[in-house]
Amino acid sequence: KYVRKQTEEICLIAVAQNGHMLSCV
């Protein structure tokens, strides 16, 4: 939630652990 520069790799790691993190992508 606090990552300012989101890369696809960072996004994939986040949603793979918690699908609801998709709301922050």
PDB file of all heavy atoms in Angstrom:
ATOM      1  N   LYS A   1       0.819  -1.219   0.000  1.00  0.00           N
ATOM      2  CA  LYS A   1       0.000   0.000   0.000  1.00  0.00           C
ATOM      3  C   LYS A   1       0.852   1.268   0.000  1.00  0.00           C
ATOM      4  O   LYS A   1       0.373   2.340  -0.369  1.00  0.00           O
ATOM      5  CB  LYS A   1      -0.923   0.006   1.230  1.00  0.00           C
ATOM      6  CG  LYS A   1      -1.968  -1.100   1.216  1.00  0.00           C
ATOM      7  CD  LYS A   1      -2.914  -0.995   2.392  1.00  0.00           C
ATOM      8  CE  LYS A   1      -2.235  -1.354   3.686  1.00  0.00           C
ATOM      9  NZ  LYS A   1      -3.194  -1.452   4.819  1.00  0.00           N
ATOM     10  N   TYR A   2       2.114   1.141   0.417  1.00  0.00           N
ATOM     11  CA  TYR A   2       2.977   2.324   0.536  1.00  0.00           C
ATOM     12  C   TYR A   2       4.048   2.396  -0.547  1.00  0.00           C
ATOM     13  O   TYR A   2       4.919   3.263  -0.502  1.00  0.00           O
ATOM     14  CB  TYR A   2       3.635   2.327   1.927  1.00  0.00           C
ATOM     15  CG  TYR A   2       2.633   2.195   3.047  1.00  0.00           C
ATOM     16  CD1 TYR A   2       2.446   0.980   3.700  1.00  0.00           C
ATOM     17  CD2 TYR A   2       1.847   3.278   3.427  1.00  0.00           C
ATOM     18  CE1 TYR A   2       1.512   0.853   4.724  1.00  0.00           C
ATOM     19  CE2 TYR A   2       0.904   3.159   4.443  1.00  0.00           C
ATOM     20  CZ  TYR A   2       0.745   1.943   5.086  1.00  0.00           C
ATOM     21  OH  TYR A   2      -0.188   1.813   6.084  1.00  0.00           O
ATOM     22  N   VAL A   3       3.970   1.487  -1.522  1.00  0.00           N
ATOM     23  CA  VAL A   3       4.932   1.502  -2.632  1.00  0.00           C
ATOM     24  C   VAL A   3       4.501   2.563  -3.639  1.00  0.00           C
ATOM     25  O   VAL A   3       3.390   2.522  -4.156  1.00  0.00           O
ATOM     26  CB  VAL A   3       5.007   0.119  -3.321  1.00  0.00           C
ATOM     27  CG1 VAL A   3       5.914   0.187  -4.544  1.00  0.00           C
ATOM     28  CG2 VAL A   3       5.512  -0.926  -2.340  1.00  0.00           C
ATOM     29  N   ARG A   4       5.388   3.502  -3.916  1.00  0.00           N
ATOM     30  CA  ARG A   4       5.029   4.597  -4.831  1.00  0.00           C
ATOM     31  C   ARG A   4       5.223   4.203  -6.293  1.00  0.00           C
ATOM     32  O   ARG A   4       4.397   4.521  -7.133  1.00  0.00           O
ATOM     33  CB  ARG A   4       5.872   5.840  -4.497  1.00  0.00           C
ATOM     34  CG  ARG A   4       5.496   6.500  -3.173  1.00  0.00           C
ATOM     35  CD  ARG A   4       6.163   7.844  -3.012  1.00  0.00           C
ATOM     36  NE  ARG A   4       7.595   7.711  -2.790  1.00  0.00           N
ATOM     37  CZ  ARG A   4       8.151   7.603  -1.578  1.00  0.00           C
ATOM     38  NH1 ARG A   4       7.379   7.570  -0.506  1.00  0.00           N
ATOM     39  NH2 ARG A   4       9.461   7.508  -1.438  1.00  0.00           N
ATOM     40  N   LYS A   5       6.312   3.508  -6.597  1.00  0.00           N
ATOM     41  CA  LYS A   5       6.579   3.097  -7.969  1.00  0.00           C
ATOM     42  C   LYS A   5       6.314   1.605  -8.095  1.00  0.00           C
ATOM     43  O   LYS A   5       7.152   0.775  -7.751  1.00  0.00           O
ATOM     44  CB  LYS A   5       8.027   3.423  -8.349  1.00  0.00           C
ATOM     45  CG  LYS A   5       8.328   3.193  -9.825  1.00  0.00           C
ATOM     46  CD  LYS A   5       9.752   3.586 -10.164  1.00  0.00           C
ATOM     47  CE  LYS A   5      10.057   3.347 -11.636  1.00  0.00           C
ATOM     48  NZ  LYS A   5      11.455   3.718 -11.985  1.00  0.00           N
ATOM     49  N   GLN A   6       5.149   1.262  -8.609  1.00  0.00           N
ATOM     50  CA  GLN A   6       4.747  -0.136  -8.705  1.00  0.00           C
ATOM     51  C   GLN A   6       5.222  -0.754 -10.029  1.00  0.00           C
ATOM     52  O   GLN A   6       4.897  -0.260 -11.095  1.00  0.00           O
ATOM     53  CB  GLN A   6       3.225  -0.262  -8.610  1.00  0.00           C
ATOM     54  CG  GLN A   6       2.639   0.224  -7.306  1.00  0.00           C
ATOM     55  CD  GLN A   6       1.129   0.075  -7.274  1.00  0.00           C
ATOM     56  OE1 GLN A   6       0.495  -0.312  -8.265  1.00  0.00           O
ATOM     57  NE2 GLN A   6       0.526   0.401  -6.137  1.00  0.00           N
ATOM     58  N   THR A   7       5.991  -1.840  -9.907  1.00  0.00           N
ATOM     59  CA  THR A   7       6.351  -2.615 -11.093  1.00  0.00           C
ATOM     60  C   THR A   7       5.434  -3.838 -11.128  1.00  0.00           C
ATOM     61  O   THR A   7       4.806  -4.187 -10.128  1.00  0.00           O
ATOM     62  CB  THR A   7       7.817  -3.080 -11.030  1.00  0.00           C
ATOM     63  OG1 THR A   7       7.972  -3.973  -9.915  1.00  0.00           O
ATOM     64  CG2 THR A   7       8.751  -1.900 -10.867  1.00  0.00           C
ATOM     65  N   GLU A   8       5.365  -4.488 -12.285  1.00  0.00           N
ATOM     66  CA  GLU A   8       4.495  -5.660 -12.386  1.00  0.00           C
ATOM     67  C   GLU A   8       4.960  -6.768 -11.446  1.00  0.00           C
ATOM     68  O   GLU A   8       4.136  -7.471 -10.850  1.00  0.00           O
ATOM     69  CB  GLU A   8       4.453  -6.189 -13.825  1.00  0.00           C
ATOM     70  CG  GLU A   8       3.446  -7.319 -14.004  1.00  0.00           C
ATOM     71  CD  GLU A   8       3.230  -7.697 -15.458  1.00  0.00           C
ATOM     72  OE1 GLU A   8       4.175  -7.550 -16.240  1.00  0.00           O
ATOM     73  OE2 GLU A   8       2.122  -8.132 -15.797  1.00  0.00           O
ATOM     74  N   GLU A   9       6.269  -6.886 -11.269  1.00  0.00           N
ATOM     75  CA  GLU A   9       6.796  -7.924 -10.373  1.00  0.00           C
ATOM     76  C   GLU A   9       6.348  -7.680  -8.938  1.00  0.00           C
ATOM     77  O   GLU A   9       5.927  -8.617  -8.243  1.00  0.00           O
ATOM     78  CB  GLU A   9       8.329  -7.954 -10.443  1.00  0.00           C
ATOM     79  CG  GLU A   9       8.936  -9.076  -9.614  1.00  0.00           C
ATOM     80  CD  GLU A   9      10.450  -9.111  -9.700  1.00  0.00           C
ATOM     81  OE1 GLU A   9      11.038  -8.223 -10.346  1.00  0.00           O
ATOM     82  OE2 GLU A   9      11.056 -10.032  -9.088  1.00  0.00           O
ATOM     83  N   ILE A  10       6.419  -6.437  -8.496  1.00  0.00           N
ATOM     84  CA  ILE A  10       5.998  -6.103  -7.135  1.00  0.00           C
ATOM     85  C   ILE A  10       4.502  -6.356  -6.975  1.00  0.00           C
ATOM     86  O   ILE A  10       4.049  -6.907  -5.957  1.00  0.00           O
ATOM     87  CB  ILE A  10       6.330  -4.628  -6.805  1.00  0.00           C
ATOM     88  CG1 ILE A  10       7.851  -4.430  -6.762  1.00  0.00           C
ATOM     89  CG2 ILE A  10       5.719  -4.219  -5.471  1.00  0.00           C
ATOM     90  CD1 ILE A  10       8.288  -2.991  -6.594  1.00  0.00           C
ATOM     91  N   CYS A  11       3.729  -5.975  -7.976  1.00  0.00           N
ATOM     92  CA  CYS A  11       2.277  -6.186  -7.933  1.00  0.00           C
ATOM     93  C   CYS A  11       1.932  -7.668  -7.866  1.00  0.00           C
ATOM     94  O   CYS A  11       1.038  -8.078  -7.108  1.00  0.00           O
ATOM     95  CB  CYS A  11       1.609  -5.550  -9.151  1.00  0.00           C
ATOM     96  SG  CYS A  11       1.706  -3.745  -9.202  1.00  0.00           S
ATOM     97  N   LEU A  12       2.619  -8.479  -8.655  1.00  0.00           N
ATOM     98  CA  LEU A  12       2.360  -9.915  -8.690  1.00  0.00           C
ATOM     99  C   LEU A  12       2.647 -10.559  -7.333  1.00  0.00           C
ATOM    100  O   LEU A  12       1.893 -11.419  -6.865  1.00  0.00           O
ATOM    101  CB  LEU A  12       3.193 -10.586  -9.780  1.00  0.00           C
ATOM    102  CG  LEU A  12       2.729 -10.344 -11.223  1.00  0.00           C
ATOM    103  CD1 LEU A  12       3.772 -10.847 -12.210  1.00  0.00           C
ATOM    104  CD2 LEU A  12       1.384 -11.017 -11.487  1.00  0.00           C
ATOM    105  N   ILE A  13       3.746 -10.145  -6.712  1.00  0.00           N
ATOM    106  CA  ILE A  13       4.099 -10.688  -5.396  1.00  0.00           C
ATOM    107  C   ILE A  13       3.034 -10.317  -4.372  1.00  0.00           C
ATOM    108  O   ILE A  13       2.625 -11.134  -3.536  1.00  0.00           O
ATOM    109  CB  ILE A  13       5.476 -10.174  -4.951  1.00  0.00           C
ATOM    110  CG1 ILE A  13       6.579 -10.776  -5.836  1.00  0.00           C
ATOM    111  CG2 ILE A  13       5.741 -10.506  -3.487  1.00  0.00           C
ATOM    112  CD1 ILE A  13       7.951 -10.200  -5.581  1.00  0.00           C
ATOM    113  N   ALA A  14       2.553  -9.079  -4.435  1.00  0.00           N
ATOM    114  CA  ALA A  14       1.562  -8.599  -3.464  1.00  0.00           C
ATOM    115  C   ALA A  14       0.241  -9.350  -3.590  1.00  0.00           C
ATOM    116  O   ALA A  14      -0.298  -9.855  -2.598  1.00  0.00           O
ATOM    117  CB  ALA A  14       1.346  -7.104  -3.644  1.00  0.00           C
ATOM    118  N   VAL A  15      -0.293  -9.439  -4.802  1.00  0.00           N
ATOM    119  CA  VAL A  15      -1.609 -10.080  -4.984  1.00  0.00           C
ATOM    120  C   VAL A  15      -1.542 -11.603  -4.855  1.00  0.00           C
ATOM    121  O   VAL A  15      -2.547 -12.247  -4.564  1.00  0.00           O
ATOM    122  CB  VAL A  15      -2.242  -9.687  -6.337  1.00  0.00           C
ATOM    123  CG1 VAL A  15      -2.445  -8.187  -6.419  1.00  0.00           C
ATOM    124  CG2 VAL A  15      -1.405 -10.178  -7.517  1.00  0.00           C
ATOM    125  N   ALA A  16      -0.358 -12.170  -5.059  1.00  0.00           N
ATOM    126  CA  ALA A  16      -0.202 -13.619  -4.894  1.00  0.00           C
ATOM    127  C   ALA A  16      -0.347 -14.011  -3.427  1.00  0.00           C
ATOM    128  O   ALA A  16      -0.756 -15.128  -3.110  1.00  0.00           O
ATOM    129  CB  ALA A  16       1.149 -14.075  -5.421  1.00  0.00           C
ATOM    130  N   GLN A  17      -0.019 -13.087  -2.538  1.00  0.00           N
ATOM    131  CA  GLN A  17      -0.129 -13.348  -1.105  1.00  0.00           C
ATOM    132  C   GLN A  17      -1.464 -12.888  -0.531  1.00  0.00           C
ATOM    133  O   GLN A  17      -1.954 -13.447   0.439  1.00  0.00           O
ATOM    134  CB  GLN A  17       1.019 -12.653  -0.359  1.00  0.00           C
ATOM    135  CG  GLN A  17       2.388 -13.164  -0.759  1.00  0.00           C
ATOM    136  CD  GLN A  17       3.481 -12.483   0.016  1.00  0.00           C
ATOM    137  OE1 GLN A  17       3.832 -12.877   1.118  1.00  0.00           O
ATOM    138  NE2 GLN A  17       4.023 -11.416  -0.544  1.00  0.00           N
ATOM    139  N   ASN A  18      -2.015 -11.856  -1.134  1.00  0.00           N
ATOM    140  CA  ASN A  18      -3.303 -11.326  -0.679  1.00  0.00           C
ATOM    141  C   ASN A  18      -4.032 -10.747  -1.888  1.00  0.00           C
ATOM    142  O   ASN A  18      -3.699  -9.669  -2.360  1.00  0.00           O
ATOM    143  CB  ASN A  18      -3.091 -10.249   0.391  1.00  0.00           C
ATOM    144  CG  ASN A  18      -4.390  -9.709   0.953  1.00  0.00           C
ATOM    145  OD1 ASN A  18      -5.479  -9.994   0.442  1.00  0.00           O
ATOM    146  ND2 ASN A  18      -4.308  -8.920   2.012  1.00  0.00           N
ATOM    147  N   GLY A  19      -5.031 -11.483  -2.376  1.00  0.00           N
ATOM    148  CA  GLY A  19      -5.745 -11.060  -3.575  1.00  0.00           C
ATOM    149  C   GLY A  19      -6.387  -9.690  -3.455  1.00  0.00           C
ATOM    150  O   GLY A  19      -6.533  -8.974  -4.446  1.00  0.00           O
ATOM    151  N   HIS A  20      -6.755  -9.300  -2.236  1.00  0.00           N
ATOM    152  CA  HIS A  20      -7.412  -8.006  -2.040  1.00  0.00           C
ATOM    153  C   HIS A  20      -6.463  -6.824  -2.233  1.00  0.00           C
ATOM    154  O   HIS A  20      -6.921  -5.673  -2.305  1.00  0.00           O
ATOM    155  CB  HIS A  20      -8.056  -7.947  -0.656  1.00  0.00           C
ATOM    156  CG  HIS A  20      -9.267  -8.822  -0.531  1.00  0.00           C
ATOM    157  ND1 HIS A  20     -10.428  -8.569  -1.221  1.00  0.00           N
ATOM    158  CD2 HIS A  20      -9.492  -9.953   0.177  1.00  0.00           C
ATOM    159  CE1 HIS A  20     -11.325  -9.497  -0.932  1.00  0.00           C
ATOM    160  NE2 HIS A  20     -10.786 -10.351  -0.097  1.00  0.00           N
ATOM    161  N   MET A  21      -5.154  -7.093  -2.298  1.00  0.00           N
ATOM    162  CA  MET A  21      -4.195  -6.026  -2.587  1.00  0.00           C
ATOM    163  C   MET A  21      -4.388  -5.483  -3.998  1.00  0.00           C
ATOM    164  O   MET A  21      -3.827  -4.451  -4.361  1.00  0.00           O
ATOM    165  CB  MET A  21      -2.762  -6.541  -2.415  1.00  0.00           C
ATOM    166  CG  MET A  21      -2.291  -6.659  -0.980  1.00  0.00           C
ATOM    167  SD  MET A  21      -2.127  -5.059  -0.146  1.00  0.00           S
ATOM    168  CE  MET A  21      -3.517  -5.112   0.955  1.00  0.00           C
ATOM    169  N   LEU A  22      -5.216  -6.167  -4.792  1.00  0.00           N
ATOM    170  CA  LEU A  22      -5.515  -5.694  -6.148  1.00  0.00           C
ATOM    171  C   LEU A  22      -6.148  -4.310  -6.107  1.00  0.00           C
ATOM    172  O   LEU A  22      -6.025  -3.535  -7.063  1.00  0.00           O
ATOM    173  CB  LEU A  22      -6.459  -6.684  -6.847  1.00  0.00           C
ATOM    174  CG  LEU A  22      -6.750  -6.432  -8.328  1.00  0.00           C
ATOM    175  CD1 LEU A  22      -5.474  -6.538  -9.150  1.00  0.00           C
ATOM    176  CD2 LEU A  22      -7.789  -7.426  -8.852  1.00  0.00           C
ATOM    177  N   SER A  23      -6.799  -3.984  -5.019  1.00  0.00           N
ATOM    178  CA  SER A  23      -7.429  -2.671  -4.881  1.00  0.00           C
ATOM    179  C   SER A  23      -6.395  -1.544  -4.834  1.00  0.00           C
ATOM    180  O   SER A  23      -6.725  -0.380  -5.068  1.00  0.00           O
ATOM    181  CB  SER A  23      -8.282  -2.622  -3.612  1.00  0.00           C
ATOM    182  OG  SER A  23      -7.474  -2.814  -2.455  1.00  0.00           O
ATOM    183  N   CYS A  24      -5.135  -1.878  -4.548  1.00  0.00           N
ATOM    184  CA  CYS A  24      -4.069  -0.870  -4.464  1.00  0.00           C
ATOM    185  C   CYS A  24      -3.229  -0.787  -5.736  1.00  0.00           C
ATOM    186  O   CYS A  24      -2.340   0.068  -5.831  1.00  0.00           O
ATOM    187  CB  CYS A  24      -3.162  -1.174  -3.271  1.00  0.00           C
ATOM    188  SG  CYS A  24      -3.993  -1.238  -1.679  1.00  0.00           S
ATOM    189  N   VAL A  25      -3.493  -1.667  -6.682  1.00  0.00           N
ATOM    190  CA  VAL A  25      -2.718  -1.682  -7.932  1.00  0.00           C
ATOM    191  C   VAL A  25      -3.144  -0.517  -8.815  1.00  0.00           C
ATOM    192  O   VAL A  25      -4.325  -0.334  -9.092  1.00  0.00           O
ATOM    193  CB  VAL A  25      -2.919  -3.024  -8.679  1.00  0.00           C
ATOM    194  CG1 VAL A  25      -2.212  -2.991 -10.035  1.00  0.00           C
ATOM    195  CG2 VAL A  25      -2.405  -4.179  -7.839  1.00  0.00           C
TER     196      VAL A  25
END
